[in-house]
Amino acid sequence: MRHRWPEDTRFTRLVLEVEDKVCAVCGGALHICDHRRHRIFTLQGPVEVVCKLAHCSDPPVRRAG
């Protein structure tokens, strides 16, 4: 069951950037295709972690993955 956070909860946002900016297969540029957000509670308080997802725009590489 999904956890319900109180309405007044203030989250510290932590954005995780993509480290590899080029495709390991074709050498082309990777493009941000989505963001995944996860809310967690740490010892320092509530944190919203934003994970950026990247993929290669070359169709043959995407089909091979």
C-alpha atoms as a PDB file:
ATOM      1  CA  MET A   1       0.000   0.000   0.000  1.00  0.00           C
ATOM      2  CA  ARG A   2       1.240   3.456  -0.891  1.00  0.00           C
ATOM      3  CA  HIS A   3       2.281   5.756   1.944  1.00  0.00           C
ATOM      4  CA  ARG A   4       0.334   9.013   2.270  1.00  0.00           C
ATOM      5  CA  TRP A   5       2.453  11.986   3.281  1.00  0.00           C
ATOM      6  CA  PRO A   6       0.807  14.760   5.305  1.00  0.00           C
ATOM      7  CA  GLU A   7      -0.242  17.750   3.151  1.00  0.00           C
ATOM      8  CA  ASP A   8       2.182  20.150   4.871  1.00  0.00           C
ATOM      9  CA  THR A   9       5.297  17.960   4.475  1.00  0.00           C
ATOM     10  CA  ARG A  10       8.218  19.959   3.061  1.00  0.00           C
ATOM     11  CA  PHE A  11      10.619  17.859   1.021  1.00  0.00           C
ATOM     12  CA  THR A  12      14.245  18.624   0.271  1.00  0.00           C
ATOM     13  CA  ARG A  13      14.736  17.860  -3.432  1.00  0.00           C
ATOM     14  CA  LEU A  14      17.767  15.834  -4.490  1.00  0.00           C
ATOM     15  CA  VAL A  15      18.186  15.614  -8.283  1.00  0.00           C
ATOM     16  CA  LEU A  16      20.403  12.823  -9.603  1.00  0.00           C
ATOM     17  CA  GLU A  17      21.970  13.802 -12.922  1.00  0.00           C
ATOM     18  CA  VAL A  18      22.940  11.360 -15.673  1.00  0.00           C
ATOM     19  CA  GLU A  19      26.687  10.641 -15.501  1.00  0.00           C
ATOM     20  CA  ASP A  20      27.202   9.204 -18.984  1.00  0.00           C
ATOM     21  CA  LYS A  21      26.070  11.693 -21.623  1.00  0.00           C
ATOM     22  CA  VAL A  22      26.982   9.487 -24.623  1.00  0.00           C
ATOM     23  CA  CYS A  23      25.731   6.070 -25.693  1.00  0.00           C
ATOM     24  CA  ALA A  24      28.150   3.219 -24.950  1.00  0.00           C
ATOM     25  CA  VAL A  25      27.038   1.398 -28.129  1.00  0.00           C
ATOM     26  CA  CYS A  26      26.961   4.048 -30.873  1.00  0.00           C
ATOM     27  CA  GLY A  27      28.618   7.083 -29.267  1.00  0.00           C
ATOM     28  CA  GLY A  28      25.571   9.299 -29.865  1.00  0.00           C
ATOM     29  CA  ALA A  29      24.162  11.734 -27.323  1.00  0.00           C
ATOM     30  CA  LEU A  30      21.784  10.387 -24.681  1.00  0.00           C
ATOM     31  CA  HIS A  31      18.506  12.228 -24.164  1.00  0.00           C
ATOM     32  CA  ILE A  32      16.542  12.580 -20.935  1.00  0.00           C
ATOM     33  CA  CYS A  33      13.370  10.576 -21.528  1.00  0.00           C
ATOM     34  CA  ASP A  34      11.751  10.494 -18.093  1.00  0.00           C
ATOM     35  CA  HIS A  35      12.045  11.444 -14.435  1.00  0.00           C
ATOM     36  CA  ARG A  36      11.334   9.095 -11.551  1.00  0.00           C
ATOM     37  CA  ARG A  37      10.445  10.622  -8.207  1.00  0.00           C
ATOM     38  CA  HIS A  38      10.776   8.820  -4.909  1.00  0.00           C
ATOM     39  CA  ARG A  39       9.891  10.300  -1.549  1.00  0.00           C
ATOM     40  CA  ILE A  40      11.804   8.915   1.391  1.00  0.00           C
ATOM     41  CA  PHE A  41      12.342   9.830   5.011  1.00  0.00           C
ATOM     42  CA  THR A  42      15.974  10.135   6.114  1.00  0.00           C
ATOM     43  CA  LEU A  43      17.529  11.013   9.458  1.00  0.00           C
ATOM     44  CA  GLN A  44      17.787  14.582   8.107  1.00  0.00           C
ATOM     45  CA  GLY A  45      14.075  14.699   7.231  1.00  0.00           C
ATOM     46  CA  PRO A  46      11.851  14.107   4.190  1.00  0.00           C
ATOM     47  CA  VAL A  47      13.665  13.978   0.817  1.00  0.00           C
ATOM     48  CA  GLU A  48      12.306  13.762  -2.713  1.00  0.00           C
ATOM     49  CA  VAL A  49      14.847  11.996  -4.946  1.00  0.00           C
ATOM     50  CA  VAL A  50      14.486  12.753  -8.662  1.00  0.00           C
ATOM     51  CA  CYS A  51      16.207  10.248 -10.963  1.00  0.00           C
ATOM     52  CA  LYS A  52      16.686  11.354 -14.578  1.00  0.00           C
ATOM     53  CA  LEU A  53      16.428   8.496 -17.068  1.00  0.00           C
ATOM     54  CA  ALA A  54      18.261   8.748 -20.390  1.00  0.00           C
ATOM     55  CA  HIS A  55      18.223   6.702 -23.573  1.00  0.00           C
ATOM     56  CA  CYS A  56      19.849   6.720 -26.989  1.00  0.00           C
ATOM     57  CA  SER A  57      17.693   8.230 -29.730  1.00  0.00           C
ATOM     58  CA  ASP A  58      19.086   5.801 -32.334  1.00  0.00           C
ATOM     59  CA  PRO A  59      16.249   3.257 -32.968  1.00  0.00           C
ATOM     60  CA  PRO A  60      18.516   0.204 -33.639  1.00  0.00           C
ATOM     61  CA  VAL A  61      20.328   0.766 -30.328  1.00  0.00           C
ATOM     62  CA  ARG A  62      17.019   1.110 -28.416  1.00  0.00           C
ATOM     63  CA  ARG A  63      15.697  -2.159 -29.917  1.00  0.00           C
ATOM     64  CA  ALA A  64      18.914  -4.000 -29.021  1.00  0.00           C
ATOM     65  CA  GLY A  65      18.696  -2.910 -25.357  1.00  0.00           C
END
